[in-house]
Amino acid sequence: MILLASTGGTLVAVCVAAGIAGVLLLGALVGMAVGMVQGRKNASETVPQPIEQAEEPEQTAQTMQSEEPEQAETAQTVQNERAQQLETARGGGEEPVREEAAFTEARAESDPSDPAGEVIAVSGMSPALRAALGVEGAAYDGKWYSVKYSYGFNARIALSKEEVREFYAEIVNEIAAYPKMKCAESWRQQRIYTGRKKLGVILFKGKKLCLALALDPMKYAETKYRGKDVSSMRRFAETPMLFGVGTARKLKYAKYLIGELARENGLDRGADVKRHIDVPQKTRDELLAEKQIKAIGREVPAPREN
């Protein structure tokens, strides 16, 4: 009986111990599960949002793009400063730039019949040309210059054929027949005006005497008085009808168009004017001495001998 009792007590003790171990194991499993869930939650909270990460590179790229023009501008400024320093070191300063600009400007006004100008030895220049270029000393004799000429309006008249000079005199007299129509001369043309209103210009296109008038070119497009529409050119914005006077018949048409211009502006014609306008023919050297022609030159290397 005692043995059974002892054995039974042992079994009960074993069962109780097993139950306690099971409860402890279950609690441990539950704790591990809870810990894993909490760990996943914390991990999801600490991971940065993808959108926020994507924004940062875009902002950086935009910043780099905005900095590139500034860097390029700075580099260009440095380059310009170095070029100026180099020019100054060579003794040129700003004077060569102004000389080149003057040469380019004169090129636009040079004689279209001689667009290339000429390259000539100083020793072979006329005294008038040497004086115009300022190369009169013996120190210049061995040098060569590229020379361009800018012809004033009077110079073009003086260098023209006698027939062209007569056409010019006839046009000036026709304008003078309208008491309120006047002419004013500038370097390369003569302006026709009344009061403060510009009515036209007398000019040369190449060697041809022309009128640019404040008339509608389309109005005369289908008539014998038709001219060239130059309204697209800034110079002729106010005088869009260009008419060449190369023959006696064209001179007659030009006088008619001057009358049309006067009528459109309410200008009455007076008596005929027959003033003698003496425009003697002259040489280029004479006109250079009178400063009716400007010579612009720059030193160039001597041409190579073939």
C-alpha atoms as a PDB file:
ATOM      1  CA  MET A   1       0.000   0.000   0.000  1.00  0.00           C
ATOM      2  CA  ILE A   2       2.790   2.329   0.890  1.00  0.00           C
ATOM      3  CA  LEU A   3       4.586   1.496  -2.406  1.00  0.00           C
ATOM      4  CA  LEU A   4       1.503   2.214  -4.435  1.00  0.00           C
ATOM      5  CA  ALA A   5       0.977   5.373  -2.544  1.00  0.00           C
ATOM      6  CA  SER A   6       4.530   6.402  -3.179  1.00  0.00           C
ATOM      7  CA  THR A   7       4.272   5.477  -6.804  1.00  0.00           C
ATOM      8  CA  GLY A   8       1.013   7.324  -7.160  1.00  0.00           C
ATOM      9  CA  GLY A   9       2.463  10.391  -5.508  1.00  0.00           C
ATOM     10  CA  THR A  10       5.368  10.327  -7.888  1.00  0.00           C
ATOM     11  CA  LEU A  11       3.066  10.158 -10.895  1.00  0.00           C
ATOM     12  CA  VAL A  12       1.050  13.073  -9.598  1.00  0.00           C
ATOM     13  CA  ALA A  13       4.196  15.080  -9.069  1.00  0.00           C
ATOM     14  CA  VAL A  14       5.423  14.259 -12.586  1.00  0.00           C
ATOM     15  CA  CYS A  15       2.093  15.329 -14.083  1.00  0.00           C
ATOM     16  CA  VAL A  16       2.088  18.577 -12.151  1.00  0.00           C
ATOM     17  CA  ALA A  17       5.648  19.313 -13.256  1.00  0.00           C
ATOM     18  CA  ALA A  18       4.780  18.564 -16.891  1.00  0.00           C
ATOM     19  CA  GLY A  19       1.784  20.905 -16.706  1.00  0.00           C
ATOM     20  CA  ILE A  20       3.868  23.705 -15.326  1.00  0.00           C
ATOM     21  CA  ALA A  21       6.519  23.196 -18.037  1.00  0.00           C
ATOM     22  CA  GLY A  22       3.814  23.322 -20.735  1.00  0.00           C
ATOM     23  CA  VAL A  23       2.418  26.543 -19.352  1.00  0.00           C
ATOM     24  CA  LEU A  24       5.901  28.063 -19.285  1.00  0.00           C
ATOM     25  CA  LEU A  25       6.616  26.925 -22.872  1.00  0.00           C
ATOM     26  CA  LEU A  26       3.327  28.355 -24.095  1.00  0.00           C
ATOM     27  CA  GLY A  27       4.076  31.678 -22.379  1.00  0.00           C
ATOM     28  CA  ALA A  28       7.503  31.756 -24.000  1.00  0.00           C
ATOM     29  CA  LEU A  29       6.000  31.100 -27.449  1.00  0.00           C
ATOM     30  CA  VAL A  30       3.403  33.829 -26.947  1.00  0.00           C
ATOM     31  CA  GLY A  31       6.129  36.263 -25.831  1.00  0.00           C
ATOM     32  CA  MET A  32       8.245  35.483 -28.913  1.00  0.00           C
ATOM     33  CA  ALA A  33       5.265  36.025 -31.184  1.00  0.00           C
ATOM     34  CA  VAL A  34       4.445  39.337 -29.554  1.00  0.00           C
ATOM     35  CA  GLY A  35       8.095  40.404 -29.847  1.00  0.00           C
ATOM     36  CA  MET A  36       8.216  39.545 -33.564  1.00  0.00           C
ATOM     37  CA  VAL A  37       5.052  41.557 -34.261  1.00  0.00           C
ATOM     38  CA  GLN A  38       6.399  44.558 -32.346  1.00  0.00           C
ATOM     39  CA  GLY A  39       9.724  44.303 -34.141  1.00  0.00           C
ATOM     40  CA  ARG A  40       8.028  44.335 -37.572  1.00  0.00           C
ATOM     41  CA  LYS A  41       5.957  47.373 -36.547  1.00  0.00           C
ATOM     42  CA  ASN A  42       9.040  49.270 -35.410  1.00  0.00           C
ATOM     43  CA  ALA A  43      10.864  48.330 -38.604  1.00  0.00           C
ATOM     44  CA  SER A  44       8.004  49.634 -40.778  1.00  0.00           C
ATOM     45  CA  GLU A  45       8.005  52.919 -38.858  1.00  0.00           C
ATOM     46  CA  THR A  46      11.766  53.488 -39.239  1.00  0.00           C
ATOM     47  CA  VAL A  47      11.968  52.826 -43.044  1.00  0.00           C
ATOM     48  CA  PRO A  48      12.010  56.242 -44.969  1.00  0.00           C
ATOM     49  CA  GLN A  49       9.149  56.847 -47.351  1.00  0.00           C
ATOM     50  CA  PRO A  50      10.153  56.233 -51.010  1.00  0.00           C
ATOM     51  CA  ILE A  51       8.613  59.528 -52.180  1.00  0.00           C
ATOM     52  CA  GLU A  52      10.731  61.558 -49.777  1.00  0.00           C
ATOM     53  CA  GLN A  53      13.898  59.811 -50.974  1.00  0.00           C
ATOM     54  CA  ALA A  54      13.008  60.484 -54.622  1.00  0.00           C
ATOM     55  CA  GLU A  55      12.546  64.191 -54.022  1.00  0.00           C
ATOM     56  CA  GLU A  56      16.069  64.795 -52.736  1.00  0.00           C
ATOM     57  CA  PRO A  57      17.914  63.775 -55.965  1.00  0.00           C
ATOM     58  CA  GLU A  58      15.535  65.955 -58.048  1.00  0.00           C
ATOM     59  CA  GLN A  59      16.264  68.949 -55.865  1.00  0.00           C
ATOM     60  CA  THR A  60      19.987  68.304 -56.160  1.00  0.00           C
ATOM     61  CA  ALA A  61      19.791  68.025 -59.950  1.00  0.00           C
ATOM     62  CA  GLN A  62      17.860  71.283 -60.204  1.00  0.00           C
ATOM     63  CA  THR A  63      20.424  73.007 -58.023  1.00  0.00           C
ATOM     64  CA  MET A  64      23.263  71.739 -60.219  1.00  0.00           C
ATOM     65  CA  GLN A  65      21.467  72.904 -63.369  1.00  0.00           C
ATOM     66  CA  SER A  66      20.909  76.367 -61.917  1.00  0.00           C
ATOM     67  CA  GLU A  67      24.570  76.587 -60.960  1.00  0.00           C
ATOM     68  CA  GLU A  68      25.861  75.614 -64.428  1.00  0.00           C
ATOM     69  CA  PRO A  69      24.933  78.927 -66.189  1.00  0.00           C
ATOM     70  CA  GLU A  70      26.512  80.887 -63.346  1.00  0.00           C
ATOM     71  CA  GLN A  71      29.699  78.861 -63.664  1.00  0.00           C
ATOM     72  CA  ALA A  72      29.684  79.314 -67.457  1.00  0.00           C
ATOM     73  CA  GLU A  73      29.120  83.046 -67.092  1.00  0.00           C
ATOM     74  CA  THR A  74      31.971  83.297 -64.613  1.00  0.00           C
ATOM     75  CA  ALA A  75      34.258  81.379 -66.945  1.00  0.00           C
ATOM     76  CA  GLN A  76      33.321  83.658 -69.852  1.00  0.00           C
ATOM     77  CA  THR A  77      34.001  86.745 -67.739  1.00  0.00           C
ATOM     78  CA  VAL A  78      37.432  85.421 -66.788  1.00  0.00           C
ATOM     79  CA  GLN A  79      38.154  84.650 -70.439  1.00  0.00           C
ATOM     80  CA  ASN A  80      37.172  88.175 -71.504  1.00  0.00           C
ATOM     81  CA  GLU A  81      39.317  89.721 -68.795  1.00  0.00           C
ATOM     82  CA  ARG A  82      42.292  87.635 -69.888  1.00  0.00           C
ATOM     83  CA  ALA A  83      41.779  88.699 -73.506  1.00  0.00           C
ATOM     84  CA  GLN A  84      41.686  92.354 -72.483  1.00  0.00           C
ATOM     85  CA  GLN A  85      44.827  91.945 -70.383  1.00  0.00           C
ATOM     86  CA  LEU A  86      46.589  90.266 -73.306  1.00  0.00           C
ATOM     87  CA  GLU A  87      45.564  93.068 -75.681  1.00  0.00           C
ATOM     88  CA  THR A  88      46.763  95.686 -73.231  1.00  0.00           C
ATOM     89  CA  ALA A  89      50.054  93.857 -72.758  1.00  0.00           C
ATOM     90  CA  ARG A  90      50.573  93.949 -76.512  1.00  0.00           C
ATOM     91  CA  GLY A  91      50.154  97.709 -76.420  1.00  0.00           C
ATOM     92  CA  GLY A  92      46.880  97.705 -78.344  1.00  0.00           C
ATOM     93  CA  GLY A  93      44.428  98.700 -75.604  1.00  0.00           C
ATOM     94  CA  GLU A  94      40.988  99.591 -77.003  1.00  0.00           C
ATOM     95  CA  GLU A  95      42.208 101.577 -80.009  1.00  0.00           C
ATOM     96  CA  PRO A  96      42.449  98.597 -82.460  1.00  0.00           C
ATOM     97  CA  VAL A  97      38.834  97.704 -81.669  1.00  0.00           C
ATOM     98  CA  ARG A  98      37.639 101.222 -82.509  1.00  0.00           C
ATOM     99  CA  GLU A  99      39.774 101.245 -85.667  1.00  0.00           C
ATOM    100  CA  GLU A 100      38.272  97.937 -86.800  1.00  0.00           C
ATOM    101  CA  ALA A 101      34.741  99.202 -86.066  1.00  0.00           C
ATOM    102  CA  ALA A 102      35.388 102.334 -88.120  1.00  0.00           C
ATOM    103  CA  PHE A 103      36.773 100.208 -90.955  1.00  0.00           C
ATOM    104  CA  THR A 104      33.688  97.972 -90.906  1.00  0.00           C
ATOM    105  CA  GLU A 105      31.321 100.951 -90.857  1.00  0.00           C
ATOM    106  CA  ALA A 106      33.068 102.549 -93.797  1.00  0.00           C
ATOM    107  CA  ARG A 107      32.973  99.242 -95.659  1.00  0.00           C
ATOM    108  CA  ALA A 108      29.174  99.390 -95.590  1.00  0.00           C
ATOM    109  CA  GLU A 109      29.285 102.826 -97.248  1.00  0.00           C
ATOM    110  CA  SER A 110      32.109 102.093 -99.691  1.00  0.00           C
ATOM    111  CA  ASP A 111      31.685 102.276-103.428  1.00  0.00           C
ATOM    112  CA  PRO A 112      29.713  99.187-104.569  1.00  0.00           C
ATOM    113  CA  SER A 113      31.653  99.259-107.835  1.00  0.00           C
ATOM    114  CA  ASP A 114      34.824  98.600-105.819  1.00  0.00           C
ATOM    115  CA  PRO A 115      33.625  96.265-103.026  1.00  0.00           C
ATOM    116  CA  ALA A 116      37.039  94.718-102.321  1.00  0.00           C
ATOM    117  CA  GLY A 117      38.930  97.996-101.961  1.00  0.00           C
ATOM    118  CA  GLU A 118      42.619  97.721-102.689  1.00  0.00           C
ATOM    119  CA  VAL A 119      45.859  96.559-101.106  1.00  0.00           C
ATOM    120  CA  ILE A 120      48.583  99.028-101.950  1.00  0.00           C
ATOM    121  CA  ALA A 121      52.152  99.828-100.905  1.00  0.00           C
ATOM    122  CA  VAL A 122      52.477 103.098 -99.056  1.00  0.00           C
ATOM    123  CA  SER A 123      55.302 104.056-101.378  1.00  0.00           C
ATOM    124  CA  GLY A 124      52.891 103.775-104.318  1.00  0.00           C
ATOM    125  CA  MET A 125      50.133 105.948-102.800  1.00  0.00           C
ATOM    126  CA  SER A 126      49.352 109.435-104.029  1.00  0.00           C
ATOM    127  CA  PRO A 127      50.192 112.329-101.678  1.00  0.00           C
ATOM    128  CA  ALA A 128      46.459 112.936-101.138  1.00  0.00           C
ATOM    129  CA  LEU A 129      45.864 109.327-100.084  1.00  0.00           C
ATOM    130  CA  ARG A 130      48.901 109.273 -97.793  1.00  0.00           C
ATOM    131  CA  ALA A 131      47.683 112.464 -96.148  1.00  0.00           C
ATOM    132  CA  ALA A 132      44.178 111.021 -95.730  1.00  0.00           C
ATOM    133  CA  LEU A 133      45.577 107.890 -94.062  1.00  0.00           C
ATOM    134  CA  GLY A 134      48.193 109.730 -92.012  1.00  0.00           C
ATOM    135  CA  VAL A 135      51.126 107.765 -93.447  1.00  0.00           C
ATOM    136  CA  GLU A 136      53.172 110.619 -94.869  1.00  0.00           C
ATOM    137  CA  GLY A 137      56.472 109.886 -93.132  1.00  0.00           C
ATOM    138  CA  ALA A 138      59.345 107.935 -94.705  1.00  0.00           C
ATOM    139  CA  ALA A 139      58.968 105.332 -91.946  1.00  0.00           C
ATOM    140  CA  TYR A 140      55.849 104.036 -93.725  1.00  0.00           C
ATOM    141  CA  ASP A 141      57.437 103.552 -97.153  1.00  0.00           C
ATOM    142  CA  GLY A 142      58.065  99.844 -96.750  1.00  0.00           C
ATOM    143  CA  LYS A 143      54.568  99.042 -95.471  1.00  0.00           C
ATOM    144  CA  TRP A 144      51.389  97.860 -97.178  1.00  0.00           C
ATOM    145  CA  TYR A 145      47.822  98.913 -96.413  1.00  0.00           C
ATOM    146  CA  SER A 146      44.356  97.604 -97.199  1.00  0.00           C
ATOM    147  CA  VAL A 147      42.350 100.687 -98.151  1.00  0.00           C
ATOM    148  CA  LYS A 148      38.597 101.265 -98.319  1.00  0.00           C
ATOM    149  CA  TYR A 149      36.854 104.426 -99.481  1.00  0.00           C
ATOM    150  CA  SER A 150      33.671 105.978 -98.148  1.00  0.00           C
ATOM    151  CA  TYR A 151      32.131 108.250-100.776  1.00  0.00           C
ATOM    152  CA  GLY A 152      30.063 111.246 -99.750  1.00  0.00           C
ATOM    153  CA  PHE A 153      27.038 112.251-101.831  1.00  0.00           C
ATOM    154  CA  ASN A 154      28.841 115.210-103.453  1.00  0.00           C
ATOM    155  CA  ALA A 155      31.755 112.942-104.321  1.00  0.00           C
ATOM    156  CA  ARG A 156      29.441 110.539-106.112  1.00  0.00           C
ATOM    157  CA  ILE A 157      27.957 113.420-108.096  1.00  0.00           C
ATOM    158  CA  ALA A 158      31.415 114.766-108.951  1.00  0.00           C
ATOM    159  CA  LEU A 159      32.641 111.339-110.109  1.00  0.00           C
ATOM    160  CA  SER A 160      29.532 110.660-112.231  1.00  0.00           C
ATOM    161  CA  LYS A 161      29.167 111.094-115.962  1.00  0.00           C
ATOM    162  CA  GLU A 162      27.964 114.434-117.298  1.00  0.00           C
ATOM    163  CA  GLU A 163      24.515 112.993-118.097  1.00  0.00           C
ATOM    164  CA  VAL A 164      24.014 111.884-114.482  1.00  0.00           C
ATOM    165  CA  ARG A 165      25.046 115.306-113.181  1.00  0.00           C
ATOM    166  CA  GLU A 166      22.497 116.900-115.522  1.00  0.00           C
ATOM    167  CA  PHE A 167      19.752 114.555-114.263  1.00  0.00           C
ATOM    168  CA  TYR A 168      20.595 115.576-110.712  1.00  0.00           C
ATOM    169  CA  ALA A 169      20.369 119.289-111.565  1.00  0.00           C
ATOM    170  CA  GLU A 170      16.961 118.749-113.208  1.00  0.00           C
ATOM    171  CA  ILE A 171      15.614 116.937-110.127  1.00  0.00           C
ATOM    172  CA  VAL A 172      16.840 119.636-107.746  1.00  0.00           C
ATOM    173  CA  ASN A 173      15.214 122.341-109.896  1.00  0.00           C
ATOM    174  CA  GLU A 174      11.932 120.406-109.994  1.00  0.00           C
ATOM    175  CA  ILE A 175      11.889 120.170-106.193  1.00  0.00           C
ATOM    176  CA  ALA A 176      12.678 123.900-105.956  1.00  0.00           C
ATOM    177  CA  ALA A 177       9.540 124.619-108.021  1.00  0.00           C
ATOM    178  CA  TYR A 178       7.507 123.716-104.916  1.00  0.00           C
ATOM    179  CA  PRO A 179       8.205 126.574-102.449  1.00  0.00           C
ATOM    180  CA  LYS A 180       7.449 124.459 -99.381  1.00  0.00           C
ATOM    181  CA  MET A 181       9.515 121.487-100.525  1.00  0.00           C
ATOM    182  CA  LYS A 182      13.127 121.652 -99.351  1.00  0.00           C
ATOM    183  CA  CYS A 183      16.359 119.643 -99.552  1.00  0.00           C
ATOM    184  CA  ALA A 184      18.962 119.023 -96.861  1.00  0.00           C
ATOM    185  CA  GLU A 185      22.264 117.265 -97.463  1.00  0.00           C
ATOM    186  CA  SER A 186      23.886 114.560 -95.365  1.00  0.00           C
ATOM    187  CA  TRP A 187      27.011 112.502 -95.968  1.00  0.00           C
ATOM    188  CA  ARG A 188      25.532 109.917 -98.321  1.00  0.00           C
ATOM    189  CA  GLN A 189      22.208 111.391 -99.506  1.00  0.00           C
ATOM    190  CA  GLN A 190      19.979 114.442 -99.762  1.00  0.00           C
ATOM    191  CA  ARG A 191      16.736 114.500 -97.791  1.00  0.00           C
ATOM    192  CA  ILE A 192      13.540 115.960 -99.285  1.00  0.00           C
ATOM    193  CA  TYR A 193      11.144 117.350 -96.679  1.00  0.00           C
ATOM    194  CA  THR A 194       8.397 119.813 -95.872  1.00  0.00           C
ATOM    195  CA  GLY A 195       8.218 121.193 -92.357  1.00  0.00           C
ATOM    196  CA  ARG A 196       9.260 118.250 -90.202  1.00  0.00           C
ATOM    197  CA  LYS A 197       7.912 115.597 -92.554  1.00  0.00           C
ATOM    198  CA  LYS A 198      10.290 113.518 -94.642  1.00  0.00           C
ATOM    199  CA  LEU A 199       9.099 113.177 -98.237  1.00  0.00           C
ATOM    200  CA  GLY A 200      11.998 111.400 -99.874  1.00  0.00           C
ATOM    201  CA  VAL A 201      15.740 111.137-100.436  1.00  0.00           C
ATOM    202  CA  ILE A 202      18.072 111.559-103.395  1.00  0.00           C
ATOM    203  CA  LEU A 203      20.773 108.898-103.288  1.00  0.00           C
ATOM    204  CA  PHE A 204      23.004 106.619-105.304  1.00  0.00           C
ATOM    205  CA  LYS A 205      22.637 102.865-105.643  1.00  0.00           C
ATOM    206  CA  GLY A 206      25.964 101.899-107.100  1.00  0.00           C
ATOM    207  CA  LYS A 207      26.500 104.468-109.849  1.00  0.00           C
ATOM    208  CA  LYS A 208      22.803 105.026-110.534  1.00  0.00           C
ATOM    209  CA  LEU A 209      21.042 108.153-109.333  1.00  0.00           C
ATOM    210  CA  CYS A 210      17.834 107.256-107.476  1.00  0.00           C
ATOM    211  CA  LEU A 211      14.873 108.722-105.623  1.00  0.00           C
ATOM    212  CA  ALA A 212      13.270 107.059-102.615  1.00  0.00           C
ATOM    213  CA  LEU A 213       9.839 108.634-102.164  1.00  0.00           C
ATOM    214  CA  ALA A 214       7.105 108.517 -99.526  1.00  0.00           C
ATOM    215  CA  LEU A 215       4.649 106.988-102.003  1.00  0.00           C
ATOM    216  CA  ASP A 216       2.831 103.658-101.988  1.00  0.00           C
ATOM    217  CA  PRO A 217       4.716 101.362-104.411  1.00  0.00           C
ATOM    218  CA  MET A 218       1.617  99.213-104.934  1.00  0.00           C
ATOM    219  CA  LYS A 219      -0.311 102.191-106.288  1.00  0.00           C
ATOM    220  CA  TYR A 220       2.093 102.440-109.245  1.00  0.00           C
ATOM    221  CA  ALA A 221       2.969  98.759-109.598  1.00  0.00           C
ATOM    222  CA  GLU A 222       0.979  98.321-112.833  1.00  0.00           C
ATOM    223  CA  THR A 223       1.932 101.663-114.380  1.00  0.00           C
ATOM    224  CA  LYS A 224       4.934 103.002-116.247  1.00  0.00           C
ATOM    225  CA  TYR A 225       5.889 104.882-113.092  1.00  0.00           C
ATOM    226  CA  ARG A 226       6.449 101.706-111.104  1.00  0.00           C
ATOM    227  CA  GLY A 227       9.448 101.566-108.799  1.00  0.00           C
ATOM    228  CA  LYS A 228      10.927  99.064-106.398  1.00  0.00           C
ATOM    229  CA  ASP A 229       9.210  98.327-103.101  1.00  0.00           C
ATOM    230  CA  VAL A 230      11.878  98.738-100.385  1.00  0.00           C
ATOM    231  CA  SER A 231       9.475  99.029 -97.446  1.00  0.00           C
ATOM    232  CA  SER A 232      11.062  95.976 -95.788  1.00  0.00           C
ATOM    233  CA  MET A 233      14.350  97.847 -95.385  1.00  0.00           C
ATOM    234  CA  ARG A 234      14.680  99.888 -92.219  1.00  0.00           C
ATOM    235  CA  ARG A 235      16.473 102.699 -94.015  1.00  0.00           C
ATOM    236  CA  PHE A 236      13.482 103.215 -96.329  1.00  0.00           C
ATOM    237  CA  ALA A 237      10.659 102.718 -93.844  1.00  0.00           C
ATOM    238  CA  GLU A 238       9.380 106.267 -94.479  1.00  0.00           C
ATOM    239  CA  THR A 239      10.240 106.342 -98.189  1.00  0.00           C
ATOM    240  CA  PRO A 240       9.301 102.870 -99.500  1.00  0.00           C
ATOM    241  CA  MET A 241       9.248 103.562-103.263  1.00  0.00           C
ATOM    242  CA  LEU A 242      12.702 103.457-104.894  1.00  0.00           C
ATOM    243  CA  PHE A 243      12.918 104.844-108.422  1.00  0.00           C
ATOM    244  CA  GLY A 244      16.063 104.822-110.552  1.00  0.00           C
ATOM    245  CA  VAL A 245      16.842 107.744-112.879  1.00  0.00           C
ATOM    246  CA  GLY A 246      19.103 106.376-115.581  1.00  0.00           C
ATOM    247  CA  THR A 247      17.595 107.779-118.772  1.00  0.00           C
ATOM    248  CA  ALA A 248      15.884 110.945-119.968  1.00  0.00           C
ATOM    249  CA  ARG A 249      12.540 109.136-119.964  1.00  0.00           C
ATOM    250  CA  LYS A 250      13.042 108.028-116.363  1.00  0.00           C
ATOM    251  CA  LEU A 251      13.875 111.629-115.494  1.00  0.00           C
ATOM    252  CA  LYS A 252      10.491 112.680-116.889  1.00  0.00           C
ATOM    253  CA  TYR A 253       8.760 109.982-114.792  1.00  0.00           C
ATOM    254  CA  ALA A 254      10.691 111.099-111.704  1.00  0.00           C
ATOM    255  CA  LYS A 255       9.375 114.654-112.138  1.00  0.00           C
ATOM    256  CA  TYR A 256       5.832 113.300-112.360  1.00  0.00           C
ATOM    257  CA  LEU A 257       6.304 111.317-109.131  1.00  0.00           C
ATOM    258  CA  ILE A 258       7.637 114.427-107.375  1.00  0.00           C
ATOM    259  CA  GLY A 259       4.394 116.133-108.438  1.00  0.00           C
ATOM    260  CA  GLU A 260       2.382 113.219-107.048  1.00  0.00           C
ATOM    261  CA  LEU A 261       4.275 113.520-103.782  1.00  0.00           C
ATOM    262  CA  ALA A 262       3.499 117.233-103.601  1.00  0.00           C
ATOM    263  CA  ARG A 263      -0.216 116.718-104.310  1.00  0.00           C
ATOM    264  CA  GLU A 264      -0.538 114.061-101.617  1.00  0.00           C
ATOM    265  CA  ASN A 265       0.925 116.515 -99.115  1.00  0.00           C
ATOM    266  CA  GLY A 266      -1.033 119.568-100.248  1.00  0.00           C
ATOM    267  CA  LEU A 267       1.961 121.426-101.704  1.00  0.00           C
ATOM    268  CA  ASP A 268       1.322 123.847-104.557  1.00  0.00           C
ATOM    269  CA  ARG A 269       3.711 124.201-107.455  1.00  0.00           C
ATOM    270  CA  GLY A 270       5.152 127.593-108.257  1.00  0.00           C
ATOM    271  CA  ALA A 271       7.005 128.800-111.314  1.00  0.00           C
ATOM    272  CA  ASP A 272       9.620 126.680-113.043  1.00  0.00           C
ATOM    273  CA  VAL A 273      13.112 127.008-111.608  1.00  0.00           C
ATOM    274  CA  LYS A 274      16.109 126.928-113.922  1.00  0.00           C
ATOM    275  CA  ARG A 275      18.987 127.493-111.566  1.00  0.00           C
ATOM    276  CA  HIS A 276      22.406 126.500-112.821  1.00  0.00           C
ATOM    277  CA  ILE A 277      23.784 123.827-110.561  1.00  0.00           C
ATOM    278  CA  ASP A 278      27.466 123.484-111.236  1.00  0.00           C
ATOM    279  CA  VAL A 279      28.827 120.138-110.090  1.00  0.00           C
ATOM    280  CA  PRO A 280      32.225 119.868-111.805  1.00  0.00           C
ATOM    281  CA  GLN A 281      33.753 116.478-112.373  1.00  0.00           C
ATOM    282  CA  LYS A 282      36.722 115.811-110.105  1.00  0.00           C
ATOM    283  CA  THR A 283      39.306 113.121-109.467  1.00  0.00           C
ATOM    284  CA  ARG A 284      39.442 110.929-106.398  1.00  0.00           C
ATOM    285  CA  ASP A 285      42.578 112.647-105.134  1.00  0.00           C
ATOM    286  CA  GLU A 286      40.895 116.037-105.386  1.00  0.00           C
ATOM    287  CA  LEU A 287      37.912 114.759-103.436  1.00  0.00           C
ATOM    288  CA  LEU A 288      40.196 113.154-100.829  1.00  0.00           C
ATOM    289  CA  ALA A 289      41.900 116.516-100.321  1.00  0.00           C
ATOM    290  CA  GLU A 290      38.463 118.169 -99.945  1.00  0.00           C
ATOM    291  CA  LYS A 291      37.387 115.401 -97.516  1.00  0.00           C
ATOM    292  CA  GLN A 292      34.472 114.465 -99.778  1.00  0.00           C
ATOM    293  CA  ILE A 293      35.916 110.941 -99.746  1.00  0.00           C
ATOM    294  CA  LYS A 294      37.082 109.224 -96.578  1.00  0.00           C
ATOM    295  CA  ALA A 295      39.917 106.730 -96.807  1.00  0.00           C
ATOM    296  CA  ILE A 296      40.094 104.039 -94.137  1.00  0.00           C
ATOM    297  CA  GLY A 297      43.133 101.792 -94.067  1.00  0.00           C
ATOM    298  CA  ARG A 298      44.881  99.200 -91.968  1.00  0.00           C
ATOM    299  CA  GLU A 299      48.314  97.735 -92.272  1.00  0.00           C
ATOM    300  CA  VAL A 300      48.551  94.273 -93.827  1.00  0.00           C
ATOM    301  CA  PRO A 301      51.401  91.915 -94.706  1.00  0.00           C
ATOM    302  CA  ALA A 302      53.040  92.487 -98.071  1.00  0.00           C
ATOM    303  CA  PRO A 303      51.575  90.281-100.829  1.00  0.00           C
ATOM    304  CA  ARG A 304      53.568  87.194-101.687  1.00  0.00           C
ATOM    305  CA  GLU A 305      55.400  87.250-104.994  1.00  0.00           C
ATOM    306  CA  ASN A 306      54.477  84.464-107.404  1.00  0.00           C
END
